[in-house]
Amino acid sequence: MKTSRVVLWSGVVSLLGAGLAWAEEPGSAPGTQKARVLFANYKTVDPTTARAAELLAGARCPESGIVAFSVSGTSHVSEGGLSLLSYATTHTQEGGGWGAGGGTFVAPCTGLYFFNVSFVKDAYHYGATANDVFVHVLKNGTSKGRAMSGQGHVDRDTGVYSVTLFLEKGDYVQTFAASDGHLKRHLLEYNFTGHLVKQAAQDM
């Protein structure tokens, strides 16, 4: 019994040390499985797009029904807790929702969306870790999965993750870098893509 208690307590300490909080996602039915709330201040964390996000949330859904963005960044270095990823290069920006140069997508339409993130972990430079590095996808501050580059015997490795999410108009989707033990991480290259798959009937 003593061993079991030690293992259980170690697991609790690990969760607290990682800075994770468990709470029910807003709008979820009572008694449903609890979701991981990772970043409560998701609306204010991005100074370059906070105001733009408010404007986009109030805009009309494009008549074309086309909403898509594809962005990329290089040489992100951070350590400690979650760090919002910003993307300097915008390859595609259609239908509103993405604030260029920032790291926040705000859904201009209610509907089903597809998102993909990928990154290259680089431990060659900046004293960055070769341990586990993650890029979390957050909807309104709540985790919807993550790309992971695990600890290995090479100093460069990749992570990729795709997810389909139902978004209400005005919902936020962001990506955050993290690492095992909050160690310094270097993302040599990272990419974020999303598009509207199907607009909800009530939003047409």
N, C-alpha and C. Protein backbone atom coordinates (compact mmCIF):
# COMPACT_ATOMS: atom_id res chain seq x y z
N MET A 1 0.83 -1.21 0.00
CA MET A 1 0.00 0.00 0.00
C MET A 1 0.86 1.26 0.00
N LYS A 2 2.00 1.24 0.74
CA LYS A 2 2.86 2.41 0.78
C LYS A 2 3.37 2.76 -0.61
N THR A 3 3.78 1.71 -1.36
CA THR A 3 4.29 1.94 -2.71
C THR A 3 3.23 2.58 -3.58
N SER A 4 1.99 2.11 -3.50
CA SER A 4 0.91 2.65 -4.31
C SER A 4 0.68 4.11 -4.00
N ARG A 5 0.72 4.47 -2.71
CA ARG A 5 0.50 5.85 -2.34
C ARG A 5 1.59 6.76 -2.87
N VAL A 6 2.85 6.27 -2.83
CA VAL A 6 3.97 7.06 -3.34
C VAL A 6 3.82 7.30 -4.83
N VAL A 7 3.44 6.28 -5.57
CA VAL A 7 3.28 6.40 -7.02
C VAL A 7 2.17 7.38 -7.34
N LEU A 8 1.04 7.27 -6.62
CA LEU A 8 -0.10 8.16 -6.85
C LEU A 8 0.29 9.60 -6.57
N TRP A 9 0.96 9.85 -5.43
CA TRP A 9 1.36 11.20 -5.08
C TRP A 9 2.35 11.77 -6.09
N SER A 10 3.26 10.92 -6.58
CA SER A 10 4.23 11.36 -7.58
C SER A 10 3.51 11.83 -8.83
N GLY A 11 2.45 11.11 -9.22
CA GLY A 11 1.68 11.51 -10.40
C GLY A 11 1.01 12.84 -10.21
N VAL A 12 0.48 13.08 -9.00
CA VAL A 12 -0.17 14.36 -8.71
C VAL A 12 0.85 15.49 -8.75
N VAL A 13 2.02 15.27 -8.14
CA VAL A 13 3.07 16.28 -8.14
C VAL A 13 3.51 16.59 -9.56
N SER A 14 3.61 15.56 -10.42
CA SER A 14 4.02 15.78 -11.80
C SER A 14 3.05 16.68 -12.52
N LEU A 15 1.75 16.46 -12.32
CA LEU A 15 0.74 17.29 -12.97
C LEU A 15 0.83 18.73 -12.48
N LEU A 16 0.98 18.91 -11.17
CA LEU A 16 1.06 20.26 -10.63
C LEU A 16 2.32 20.95 -11.12
N GLY A 17 3.42 20.20 -11.16
CA GLY A 17 4.67 20.78 -11.61
C GLY A 17 4.63 21.19 -13.06
N ALA A 18 3.81 20.51 -13.86
CA ALA A 18 3.69 20.86 -15.27
C ALA A 18 2.78 22.06 -15.49
N GLY A 19 2.15 22.56 -14.43
CA GLY A 19 1.32 23.74 -14.55
C GLY A 19 -0.01 23.47 -15.20
N LEU A 20 -0.51 22.24 -15.13
CA LEU A 20 -1.77 21.90 -15.78
C LEU A 20 -2.90 21.98 -14.79
N ALA A 21 -4.03 22.48 -15.24
CA ALA A 21 -5.21 22.57 -14.41
C ALA A 21 -6.33 21.80 -15.08
N TRP A 22 -7.12 21.09 -14.29
CA TRP A 22 -8.24 20.32 -14.84
C TRP A 22 -9.54 21.03 -14.54
N ALA A 23 -10.33 21.23 -15.55
CA ALA A 23 -11.63 21.87 -15.38
C ALA A 23 -12.52 21.48 -16.54
N GLU A 24 -13.83 21.57 -16.35
CA GLU A 24 -14.73 21.25 -17.44
C GLU A 24 -14.69 22.37 -18.46
N GLU A 25 -14.64 21.99 -19.72
CA GLU A 25 -14.63 22.97 -20.79
C GLU A 25 -15.95 23.73 -20.79
N PRO A 26 -15.90 25.08 -20.97
CA PRO A 26 -17.13 25.86 -20.99
C PRO A 26 -18.12 25.32 -22.02
N GLY A 27 -19.37 25.17 -21.63
CA GLY A 27 -20.40 24.68 -22.54
C GLY A 27 -20.56 23.19 -22.56
N SER A 28 -19.70 22.46 -21.85
CA SER A 28 -19.81 21.00 -21.84
C SER A 28 -20.92 20.58 -20.90
N ALA A 29 -21.53 19.45 -21.20
CA ALA A 29 -22.63 18.96 -20.39
C ALA A 29 -22.11 18.49 -19.04
N PRO A 30 -22.88 18.70 -17.97
CA PRO A 30 -22.44 18.24 -16.64
C PRO A 30 -22.15 16.75 -16.65
N GLY A 31 -21.06 16.37 -15.99
CA GLY A 31 -20.72 14.96 -15.90
C GLY A 31 -19.90 14.44 -17.07
N THR A 32 -19.64 15.29 -18.09
CA THR A 32 -18.82 14.85 -19.21
C THR A 32 -17.36 14.81 -18.79
N GLN A 33 -16.54 14.13 -19.59
CA GLN A 33 -15.12 14.01 -19.25
C GLN A 33 -14.48 15.40 -19.18
N LYS A 34 -13.70 15.62 -18.15
CA LYS A 34 -13.07 16.92 -17.97
C LYS A 34 -11.95 17.12 -18.99
N ALA A 35 -11.81 18.36 -19.46
CA ALA A 35 -10.80 18.70 -20.45
C ALA A 35 -9.66 19.43 -19.77
N ARG A 36 -8.53 19.49 -20.44
CA ARG A 36 -7.34 20.13 -19.91
C ARG A 36 -7.35 21.62 -20.23
N VAL A 37 -7.53 22.46 -19.22
CA VAL A 37 -7.45 23.90 -19.40
C VAL A 37 -6.00 24.30 -19.15
N LEU A 38 -5.33 24.74 -20.20
CA LEU A 38 -3.90 25.03 -20.08
C LEU A 38 -3.60 26.52 -19.98
N PHE A 39 -4.45 27.36 -20.56
CA PHE A 39 -4.12 28.78 -20.60
C PHE A 39 -5.38 29.60 -20.48
N ALA A 40 -5.62 30.14 -19.28
CA ALA A 40 -6.87 30.86 -19.01
C ALA A 40 -6.93 32.22 -19.71
N ASN A 41 -5.77 32.86 -19.91
CA ASN A 41 -5.75 34.21 -20.47
C ASN A 41 -5.53 34.20 -21.98
N TYR A 42 -6.20 33.29 -22.67
CA TYR A 42 -5.97 33.13 -24.11
C TYR A 42 -6.37 34.37 -24.92
N LYS A 43 -7.30 35.18 -24.41
CA LYS A 43 -7.76 36.35 -25.18
C LYS A 43 -6.77 37.51 -25.11
N THR A 44 -5.93 37.54 -24.11
CA THR A 44 -5.02 38.67 -23.94
C THR A 44 -3.55 38.33 -24.14
N VAL A 45 -3.24 37.07 -24.39
CA VAL A 45 -1.84 36.66 -24.48
C VAL A 45 -1.17 37.13 -25.78
N ASP A 46 -1.96 37.45 -26.79
CA ASP A 46 -1.41 37.81 -28.09
C ASP A 46 -1.63 39.31 -28.35
N PRO A 47 -0.66 40.16 -28.02
CA PRO A 47 -0.85 41.61 -28.16
C PRO A 47 -1.00 42.08 -29.60
N THR A 48 -0.47 41.33 -30.55
CA THR A 48 -0.53 41.76 -31.95
C THR A 48 -1.88 41.48 -32.60
N THR A 49 -2.67 40.60 -32.00
CA THR A 49 -3.93 40.24 -32.64
C THR A 49 -5.14 40.38 -31.74
N ALA A 50 -4.94 40.82 -30.50
CA ALA A 50 -6.06 40.89 -29.57
C ALA A 50 -7.18 41.78 -30.11
N ARG A 51 -6.84 42.99 -30.57
CA ARG A 51 -7.85 43.90 -31.09
C ARG A 51 -8.42 43.36 -32.41
N ALA A 52 -7.53 42.85 -33.26
CA ALA A 52 -7.99 42.29 -34.53
C ALA A 52 -8.95 41.14 -34.31
N ALA A 53 -8.70 40.35 -33.27
CA ALA A 53 -9.57 39.22 -32.96
C ALA A 53 -10.98 39.69 -32.61
N GLU A 54 -11.08 40.80 -31.88
CA GLU A 54 -12.39 41.34 -31.54
C GLU A 54 -13.15 41.76 -32.79
N LEU A 55 -12.44 42.40 -33.70
CA LEU A 55 -13.07 42.85 -34.94
C LEU A 55 -13.50 41.67 -35.80
N LEU A 56 -12.62 40.67 -35.88
CA LEU A 56 -12.93 39.50 -36.70
C LEU A 56 -14.13 38.75 -36.14
N ALA A 57 -14.23 38.70 -34.80
CA ALA A 57 -15.33 37.99 -34.18
C ALA A 57 -16.67 38.63 -34.53
N GLY A 58 -16.65 39.95 -34.77
CA GLY A 58 -17.89 40.65 -35.10
C GLY A 58 -18.18 40.73 -36.59
N ALA A 59 -17.24 40.25 -37.42
CA ALA A 59 -17.41 40.32 -38.87
C ALA A 59 -18.36 39.23 -39.36
N ARG A 60 -18.90 39.46 -40.55
CA ARG A 60 -19.78 38.46 -41.15
C ARG A 60 -18.96 37.34 -41.78
N CYS A 61 -19.52 36.17 -41.80
CA CYS A 61 -18.88 35.04 -42.48
C CYS A 61 -18.82 35.35 -43.98
N PRO A 62 -17.70 35.09 -44.65
CA PRO A 62 -17.60 35.42 -46.08
C PRO A 62 -18.64 34.66 -46.91
N GLU A 63 -19.22 35.34 -47.87
CA GLU A 63 -20.25 34.74 -48.71
C GLU A 63 -19.71 33.55 -49.50
N SER A 64 -18.41 33.57 -49.80
CA SER A 64 -17.81 32.47 -50.55
C SER A 64 -17.75 31.18 -49.75
N GLY A 65 -17.81 31.30 -48.43
CA GLY A 65 -17.67 30.13 -47.57
C GLY A 65 -16.23 29.65 -47.45
N ILE A 66 -15.29 30.42 -48.00
CA ILE A 66 -13.87 30.04 -47.95
C ILE A 66 -13.20 30.73 -46.76
N VAL A 67 -12.72 29.92 -45.82
CA VAL A 67 -11.93 30.41 -44.69
C VAL A 67 -10.72 29.49 -44.57
N ALA A 68 -9.53 30.05 -44.74
CA ALA A 68 -8.32 29.22 -44.69
C ALA A 68 -7.11 30.09 -44.38
N PHE A 69 -6.15 29.50 -43.68
CA PHE A 69 -4.88 30.18 -43.43
C PHE A 69 -3.76 29.15 -43.39
N SER A 70 -2.57 29.58 -43.75
CA SER A 70 -1.38 28.75 -43.64
C SER A 70 -0.21 29.67 -43.33
N VAL A 71 0.45 29.41 -42.17
CA VAL A 71 1.49 30.31 -41.69
C VAL A 71 2.69 29.51 -41.20
N SER A 72 3.84 30.18 -41.08
CA SER A 72 5.04 29.49 -40.61
C SER A 72 5.93 30.45 -39.85
N GLY A 73 6.81 29.87 -39.04
CA GLY A 73 7.77 30.65 -38.26
C GLY A 73 9.08 29.91 -38.15
N THR A 74 10.10 30.61 -37.68
CA THR A 74 11.42 30.00 -37.51
C THR A 74 12.05 30.47 -36.21
N SER A 75 12.94 29.64 -35.69
CA SER A 75 13.80 29.96 -34.54
C SER A 75 13.04 30.50 -33.33
N HIS A 76 12.05 29.73 -32.88
CA HIS A 76 11.39 30.06 -31.61
C HIS A 76 12.20 29.47 -30.47
N VAL A 77 12.59 30.31 -29.49
CA VAL A 77 13.32 29.87 -28.32
C VAL A 77 12.56 30.34 -27.08
N SER A 78 12.26 29.41 -26.19
CA SER A 78 11.58 29.78 -24.94
C SER A 78 11.86 28.71 -23.90
N GLU A 79 11.50 29.01 -22.66
CA GLU A 79 11.62 28.02 -21.59
C GLU A 79 10.58 28.34 -20.52
N GLY A 80 10.43 27.45 -19.58
CA GLY A 80 9.42 27.64 -18.55
C GLY A 80 8.08 27.09 -19.00
N GLY A 81 7.00 27.80 -18.65
CA GLY A 81 5.66 27.33 -18.98
C GLY A 81 5.32 27.48 -20.44
N LEU A 82 4.04 27.39 -20.74
CA LEU A 82 3.58 27.48 -22.12
C LEU A 82 3.94 28.83 -22.74
N SER A 83 4.36 28.79 -24.01
CA SER A 83 4.73 30.01 -24.73
C SER A 83 3.97 30.06 -26.05
N LEU A 84 3.18 31.13 -26.25
CA LEU A 84 2.41 31.27 -27.48
C LEU A 84 3.35 31.36 -28.68
N LEU A 85 3.07 30.61 -29.71
CA LEU A 85 3.84 30.69 -30.94
C LEU A 85 3.27 31.77 -31.84
N SER A 86 4.13 32.64 -32.34
CA SER A 86 3.74 33.63 -33.34
C SER A 86 4.37 33.22 -34.67
N TYR A 87 3.72 33.62 -35.75
CA TYR A 87 4.12 33.17 -37.08
C TYR A 87 4.38 34.38 -37.96
N ALA A 88 5.66 34.58 -38.33
CA ALA A 88 6.06 35.77 -39.08
C ALA A 88 5.61 35.74 -40.53
N THR A 89 5.50 34.54 -41.10
CA THR A 89 5.19 34.42 -42.53
C THR A 89 3.78 33.89 -42.73
N THR A 90 3.00 34.61 -43.51
CA THR A 90 1.65 34.17 -43.86
C THR A 90 1.63 33.75 -45.32
N HIS A 91 1.33 32.49 -45.58
CA HIS A 91 1.29 31.97 -46.95
C HIS A 91 -0.11 32.10 -47.54
N THR A 92 -1.11 31.85 -46.71
CA THR A 92 -2.51 31.92 -47.16
C THR A 92 -3.34 32.56 -46.07
N GLN A 93 -4.21 33.48 -46.45
CA GLN A 93 -5.12 34.13 -45.51
C GLN A 93 -6.39 34.49 -46.27
N GLU A 94 -7.40 33.64 -46.16
CA GLU A 94 -8.65 33.82 -46.89
C GLU A 94 -9.84 33.82 -45.93
N GLY A 95 -10.72 34.75 -46.10
CA GLY A 95 -11.98 34.74 -45.36
C GLY A 95 -11.93 35.33 -43.97
N GLY A 96 -10.80 35.92 -43.58
CA GLY A 96 -10.69 36.49 -42.24
C GLY A 96 -10.44 35.42 -41.19
N GLY A 97 -10.11 35.86 -40.02
CA GLY A 97 -9.89 34.93 -38.91
C GLY A 97 -8.47 34.90 -38.42
N TRP A 98 -7.52 35.15 -39.31
CA TRP A 98 -6.12 35.11 -38.90
C TRP A 98 -5.54 36.52 -38.90
N GLY A 99 -4.90 36.91 -37.78
CA GLY A 99 -4.21 38.20 -37.68
C GLY A 99 -2.76 38.02 -38.06
N ALA A 100 -2.34 38.59 -39.19
CA ALA A 100 -0.99 38.40 -39.71
C ALA A 100 0.07 38.79 -38.69
N GLY A 101 1.09 37.97 -38.55
CA GLY A 101 2.21 38.23 -37.65
C GLY A 101 1.98 37.79 -36.23
N GLY A 102 0.78 37.36 -35.91
CA GLY A 102 0.47 36.93 -34.55
C GLY A 102 0.41 35.42 -34.44
N GLY A 103 -0.44 34.95 -33.51
CA GLY A 103 -0.53 33.52 -33.29
C GLY A 103 -1.94 33.06 -32.97
N THR A 104 -2.95 33.85 -33.40
CA THR A 104 -4.32 33.56 -33.01
C THR A 104 -5.26 33.50 -34.21
N PHE A 105 -6.04 32.42 -34.29
CA PHE A 105 -7.12 32.32 -35.28
C PHE A 105 -8.44 32.47 -34.54
N VAL A 106 -9.30 33.36 -35.05
CA VAL A 106 -10.62 33.56 -34.47
C VAL A 106 -11.65 33.18 -35.53
N ALA A 107 -12.49 32.21 -35.22
CA ALA A 107 -13.43 31.68 -36.20
C ALA A 107 -14.43 32.75 -36.65
N PRO A 108 -14.45 33.09 -37.94
CA PRO A 108 -15.43 34.05 -38.44
C PRO A 108 -16.79 33.42 -38.72
N CYS A 109 -16.85 32.09 -38.70
CA CYS A 109 -18.08 31.35 -38.97
C CYS A 109 -18.20 30.20 -37.97
N THR A 110 -19.43 29.85 -37.65
CA THR A 110 -19.67 28.64 -36.87
C THR A 110 -19.62 27.45 -37.82
N GLY A 111 -18.88 26.42 -37.47
CA GLY A 111 -18.79 25.26 -38.32
C GLY A 111 -17.68 24.32 -37.92
N LEU A 112 -17.39 23.39 -38.81
CA LEU A 112 -16.37 22.37 -38.59
C LEU A 112 -15.08 22.81 -39.27
N TYR A 113 -13.97 22.79 -38.51
CA TYR A 113 -12.67 23.25 -39.01
C TYR A 113 -11.63 22.14 -38.87
N PHE A 114 -10.65 22.17 -39.77
CA PHE A 114 -9.51 21.26 -39.70
C PHE A 114 -8.25 22.08 -39.44
N PHE A 115 -7.38 21.55 -38.55
CA PHE A 115 -6.11 22.23 -38.22
C PHE A 115 -4.95 21.22 -38.24
N ASN A 116 -3.79 21.72 -38.62
CA ASN A 116 -2.57 20.90 -38.61
C ASN A 116 -1.41 21.74 -38.09
N VAL A 117 -0.60 21.15 -37.20
CA VAL A 117 0.63 21.80 -36.75
C VAL A 117 1.80 20.84 -36.96
N SER A 118 2.96 21.40 -37.27
CA SER A 118 4.18 20.60 -37.38
C SER A 118 5.36 21.46 -36.95
N PHE A 119 6.41 20.81 -36.49
CA PHE A 119 7.59 21.57 -36.06
C PHE A 119 8.84 20.69 -36.09
N VAL A 120 9.99 21.35 -36.13
CA VAL A 120 11.28 20.68 -36.05
C VAL A 120 11.95 21.13 -34.75
N LYS A 121 12.15 20.19 -33.84
CA LYS A 121 12.91 20.46 -32.60
C LYS A 121 14.39 20.43 -32.93
N ASP A 122 15.12 21.45 -32.44
CA ASP A 122 16.55 21.54 -32.72
C ASP A 122 17.32 21.74 -31.43
N ALA A 123 18.14 20.77 -31.07
CA ALA A 123 18.95 20.87 -29.85
C ALA A 123 20.41 21.24 -30.15
N TYR A 124 20.70 21.58 -31.40
CA TYR A 124 22.06 21.97 -31.76
C TYR A 124 22.40 23.37 -31.24
N HIS A 125 21.39 24.24 -31.17
CA HIS A 125 21.64 25.64 -30.89
C HIS A 125 20.91 26.12 -29.63
N TYR A 126 21.39 27.23 -29.07
CA TYR A 126 20.75 27.94 -27.95
C TYR A 126 20.72 27.12 -26.66
N GLY A 127 21.50 26.06 -26.57
CA GLY A 127 21.47 25.22 -25.38
C GLY A 127 20.12 24.56 -25.15
N ALA A 128 19.41 24.31 -26.24
CA ALA A 128 18.05 23.77 -26.16
C ALA A 128 18.05 22.28 -25.84
N THR A 129 16.95 21.84 -25.25
CA THR A 129 16.84 20.45 -24.83
C THR A 129 16.62 19.49 -25.99
N ALA A 130 17.12 18.27 -25.81
CA ALA A 130 16.81 17.18 -26.73
C ALA A 130 15.70 16.30 -26.16
N ASN A 131 15.21 16.68 -24.98
CA ASN A 131 14.11 15.94 -24.35
C ASN A 131 12.79 16.24 -25.05
N ASP A 132 11.70 15.77 -24.47
CA ASP A 132 10.38 15.93 -25.08
C ASP A 132 10.02 17.40 -25.26
N VAL A 133 9.59 17.74 -26.45
CA VAL A 133 9.10 19.08 -26.77
C VAL A 133 7.73 18.93 -27.42
N PHE A 134 6.82 19.86 -27.10
CA PHE A 134 5.44 19.76 -27.57
C PHE A 134 4.99 21.07 -28.20
N VAL A 135 4.03 20.96 -29.11
CA VAL A 135 3.25 22.12 -29.55
C VAL A 135 1.78 21.77 -29.31
N HIS A 136 1.17 22.47 -28.37
CA HIS A 136 -0.23 22.23 -28.01
C HIS A 136 -1.15 23.04 -28.91
N VAL A 137 -2.28 22.45 -29.29
CA VAL A 137 -3.35 23.18 -29.97
C VAL A 137 -4.43 23.47 -28.94
N LEU A 138 -4.73 24.75 -28.73
CA LEU A 138 -5.70 25.15 -27.72
C LEU A 138 -6.91 25.83 -28.36
N LYS A 139 -8.08 25.42 -27.94
CA LYS A 139 -9.32 26.10 -28.31
C LYS A 139 -9.83 26.81 -27.06
N ASN A 140 -9.89 28.14 -27.12
CA ASN A 140 -10.33 28.93 -25.97
C ASN A 140 -9.59 28.54 -24.69
N GLY A 141 -8.27 28.32 -24.83
CA GLY A 141 -7.44 27.99 -23.69
C GLY A 141 -7.46 26.55 -23.24
N THR A 142 -8.25 25.72 -23.92
CA THR A 142 -8.40 24.31 -23.54
C THR A 142 -7.67 23.41 -24.54
N SER A 143 -6.92 22.45 -24.03
CA SER A 143 -6.14 21.56 -24.88
C SER A 143 -7.01 20.72 -25.78
N LYS A 144 -6.63 20.68 -27.06
CA LYS A 144 -7.29 19.81 -28.03
C LYS A 144 -6.27 18.87 -28.69
N GLY A 145 -5.20 18.62 -27.97
CA GLY A 145 -4.18 17.70 -28.47
C GLY A 145 -2.86 18.42 -28.68
N ARG A 146 -1.84 17.64 -29.03
CA ARG A 146 -0.51 18.24 -29.18
C ARG A 146 0.34 17.43 -30.12
N ALA A 147 1.25 18.12 -30.80
CA ALA A 147 2.32 17.47 -31.55
C ALA A 147 3.48 17.26 -30.58
N MET A 148 4.19 16.17 -30.74
CA MET A 148 5.27 15.83 -29.81
C MET A 148 6.51 15.36 -30.55
N SER A 149 7.66 15.90 -30.14
CA SER A 149 8.95 15.38 -30.56
C SER A 149 9.60 14.77 -29.33
N GLY A 150 9.68 13.45 -29.30
CA GLY A 150 10.14 12.77 -28.11
C GLY A 150 11.65 12.76 -27.95
N GLN A 151 12.09 12.44 -26.75
CA GLN A 151 13.52 12.34 -26.46
C GLN A 151 14.11 11.20 -27.27
N GLY A 152 15.27 11.46 -27.88
CA GLY A 152 15.89 10.42 -28.70
C GLY A 152 17.39 10.58 -28.73
N HIS A 153 18.01 9.94 -29.71
CA HIS A 153 19.47 9.97 -29.83
C HIS A 153 19.93 10.93 -30.92
N VAL A 154 19.00 11.77 -31.41
CA VAL A 154 19.36 12.75 -32.42
C VAL A 154 19.00 14.13 -31.87
N ASP A 155 19.70 15.16 -32.38
CA ASP A 155 19.47 16.51 -31.89
C ASP A 155 18.40 17.26 -32.68
N ARG A 156 17.93 16.65 -33.77
CA ARG A 156 16.82 17.24 -34.51
C ARG A 156 15.76 16.17 -34.73
N ASP A 157 14.52 16.57 -34.48
CA ASP A 157 13.41 15.63 -34.62
C ASP A 157 12.15 16.44 -34.92
N THR A 158 11.12 15.77 -35.39
CA THR A 158 9.91 16.48 -35.79
C THR A 158 8.71 16.03 -34.97
N GLY A 159 7.69 16.85 -34.98
CA GLY A 159 6.41 16.52 -34.37
C GLY A 159 5.30 17.04 -35.27
N VAL A 160 4.18 16.32 -35.33
CA VAL A 160 3.06 16.74 -36.17
C VAL A 160 1.76 16.28 -35.54
N TYR A 161 0.71 17.07 -35.74
CA TYR A 161 -0.59 16.74 -35.16
C TYR A 161 -1.69 17.40 -35.99
N SER A 162 -2.78 16.67 -36.21
CA SER A 162 -3.95 17.19 -36.91
C SER A 162 -5.18 16.97 -36.06
N VAL A 163 -6.14 17.89 -36.17
CA VAL A 163 -7.37 17.76 -35.39
C VAL A 163 -8.50 18.48 -36.12
N THR A 164 -9.71 17.94 -36.00
CA THR A 164 -10.91 18.58 -36.53
C THR A 164 -11.74 19.06 -35.34
N LEU A 165 -12.13 20.34 -35.36
CA LEU A 165 -12.83 20.95 -34.24
C LEU A 165 -14.09 21.66 -34.71
N PHE A 166 -15.15 21.56 -33.91
CA PHE A 166 -16.34 22.37 -34.16
C PHE A 166 -16.17 23.67 -33.39
N LEU A 167 -16.23 24.80 -34.12
CA LEU A 167 -16.04 26.11 -33.51
C LEU A 167 -17.29 26.96 -33.66
N GLU A 168 -17.62 27.65 -32.58
CA GLU A 168 -18.62 28.70 -32.66
C GLU A 168 -17.94 29.95 -33.17
N LYS A 169 -18.70 30.81 -33.83
CA LYS A 169 -18.15 32.08 -34.28
C LYS A 169 -17.54 32.82 -33.09
N GLY A 170 -16.29 33.26 -33.25
CA GLY A 170 -15.59 33.96 -32.18
C GLY A 170 -14.71 33.09 -31.32
N ASP A 171 -14.73 31.77 -31.50
CA ASP A 171 -13.83 30.89 -30.77
C ASP A 171 -12.38 31.13 -31.21
N TYR A 172 -11.44 30.96 -30.26
CA TYR A 172 -10.02 31.17 -30.51
C TYR A 172 -9.31 29.82 -30.66
N VAL A 173 -8.38 29.73 -31.60
CA VAL A 173 -7.48 28.57 -31.71
C VAL A 173 -6.05 29.11 -31.78
N GLN A 174 -5.20 28.58 -30.87
CA GLN A 174 -3.82 29.04 -30.77
C GLN A 174 -2.89 27.84 -30.57
N THR A 175 -1.62 28.06 -30.78
CA THR A 175 -0.62 27.01 -30.56
C THR A 175 0.42 27.51 -29.55
N PHE A 176 0.83 26.61 -28.66
CA PHE A 176 1.77 26.96 -27.60
C PHE A 176 2.90 25.93 -27.54
N ALA A 177 4.13 26.40 -27.41
CA ALA A 177 5.28 25.52 -27.23
C ALA A 177 5.43 25.17 -25.75
N ALA A 178 5.85 23.95 -25.48
CA ALA A 178 6.12 23.49 -24.12
C ALA A 178 7.22 22.44 -24.18
N SER A 179 7.76 22.09 -23.01
CA SER A 179 8.81 21.08 -22.97
C SER A 179 8.78 20.34 -21.65
N ASP A 180 9.31 19.14 -21.67
CA ASP A 180 9.39 18.32 -20.47
C ASP A 180 10.25 19.02 -19.43
N GLY A 181 9.70 19.22 -18.23
CA GLY A 181 10.46 19.89 -17.18
C GLY A 181 10.65 21.37 -17.39
N HIS A 182 9.91 21.96 -18.35
CA HIS A 182 10.00 23.39 -18.65
C HIS A 182 11.39 23.80 -19.14
N LEU A 183 12.14 22.85 -19.69
CA LEU A 183 13.49 23.14 -20.17
C LEU A 183 13.46 24.03 -21.41
N LYS A 184 14.60 24.64 -21.71
CA LYS A 184 14.69 25.51 -22.89
C LYS A 184 14.45 24.69 -24.15
N ARG A 185 13.61 25.22 -25.05
CA ARG A 185 13.32 24.53 -26.30
C ARG A 185 13.57 25.47 -27.48
N HIS A 186 14.01 24.87 -28.57
CA HIS A 186 14.25 25.62 -29.81
C HIS A 186 13.49 24.93 -30.93
N LEU A 187 12.54 25.66 -31.52
CA LEU A 187 11.83 25.16 -32.70
C LEU A 187 12.49 25.79 -33.92
N LEU A 188 13.19 24.98 -34.67
CA LEU A 188 13.90 25.48 -35.84
C LEU A 188 12.93 26.01 -36.89
N GLU A 189 11.88 25.23 -37.15
CA GLU A 189 10.81 25.62 -38.06
C GLU A 189 9.50 25.12 -37.49
N TYR A 190 8.41 25.86 -37.72
CA TYR A 190 7.10 25.41 -37.25
C TYR A 190 6.02 25.98 -38.16
N ASN A 191 4.95 25.23 -38.32
CA ASN A 191 3.91 25.54 -39.29
C ASN A 191 2.53 25.31 -38.69
N PHE A 192 1.58 26.13 -39.11
CA PHE A 192 0.21 26.04 -38.61
C PHE A 192 -0.74 26.32 -39.78
N THR A 193 -1.65 25.40 -40.02
CA THR A 193 -2.60 25.50 -41.13
C THR A 193 -3.99 25.17 -40.65
N GLY A 194 -4.99 25.86 -41.18
CA GLY A 194 -6.36 25.55 -40.82
C GLY A 194 -7.33 25.99 -41.92
N HIS A 195 -8.48 25.33 -41.98
CA HIS A 195 -9.50 25.76 -42.93
C HIS A 195 -10.88 25.30 -42.49
N LEU A 196 -11.88 26.02 -42.95
CA LEU A 196 -13.27 25.67 -42.69
C LEU A 196 -13.65 24.50 -43.59
N VAL A 197 -14.12 23.42 -42.97
CA VAL A 197 -14.56 22.25 -43.72
C VAL A 197 -16.02 22.40 -44.13
N LYS A 198 -16.87 22.78 -43.17
CA LYS A 198 -18.30 22.91 -43.43
C LYS A 198 -18.89 23.95 -42.49
N GLN A 199 -19.54 24.95 -43.08
CA GLN A 199 -20.21 25.97 -42.28
C GLN A 199 -21.50 25.42 -41.71
N ALA A 200 -21.80 25.76 -40.47
CA ALA A 200 -23.03 25.28 -39.83
C ALA A 200 -24.24 25.93 -40.51
N ALA A 201 -25.32 25.18 -40.63
CA ALA A 201 -26.52 25.65 -41.33
C ALA A 201 -27.09 26.91 -40.70
N GLN A 202 -27.06 26.97 -39.35
CA GLN A 202 -27.65 28.13 -38.67
C GLN A 202 -26.85 29.39 -38.85
N ASP A 203 -25.60 29.26 -39.39
CA ASP A 203 -24.73 30.41 -39.57
C ASP A 203 -24.76 30.91 -41.01
N MET A 204 -25.55 30.25 -41.86
CA MET A 204 -25.57 30.62 -43.29
C MET A 204 -26.59 31.72 -43.55
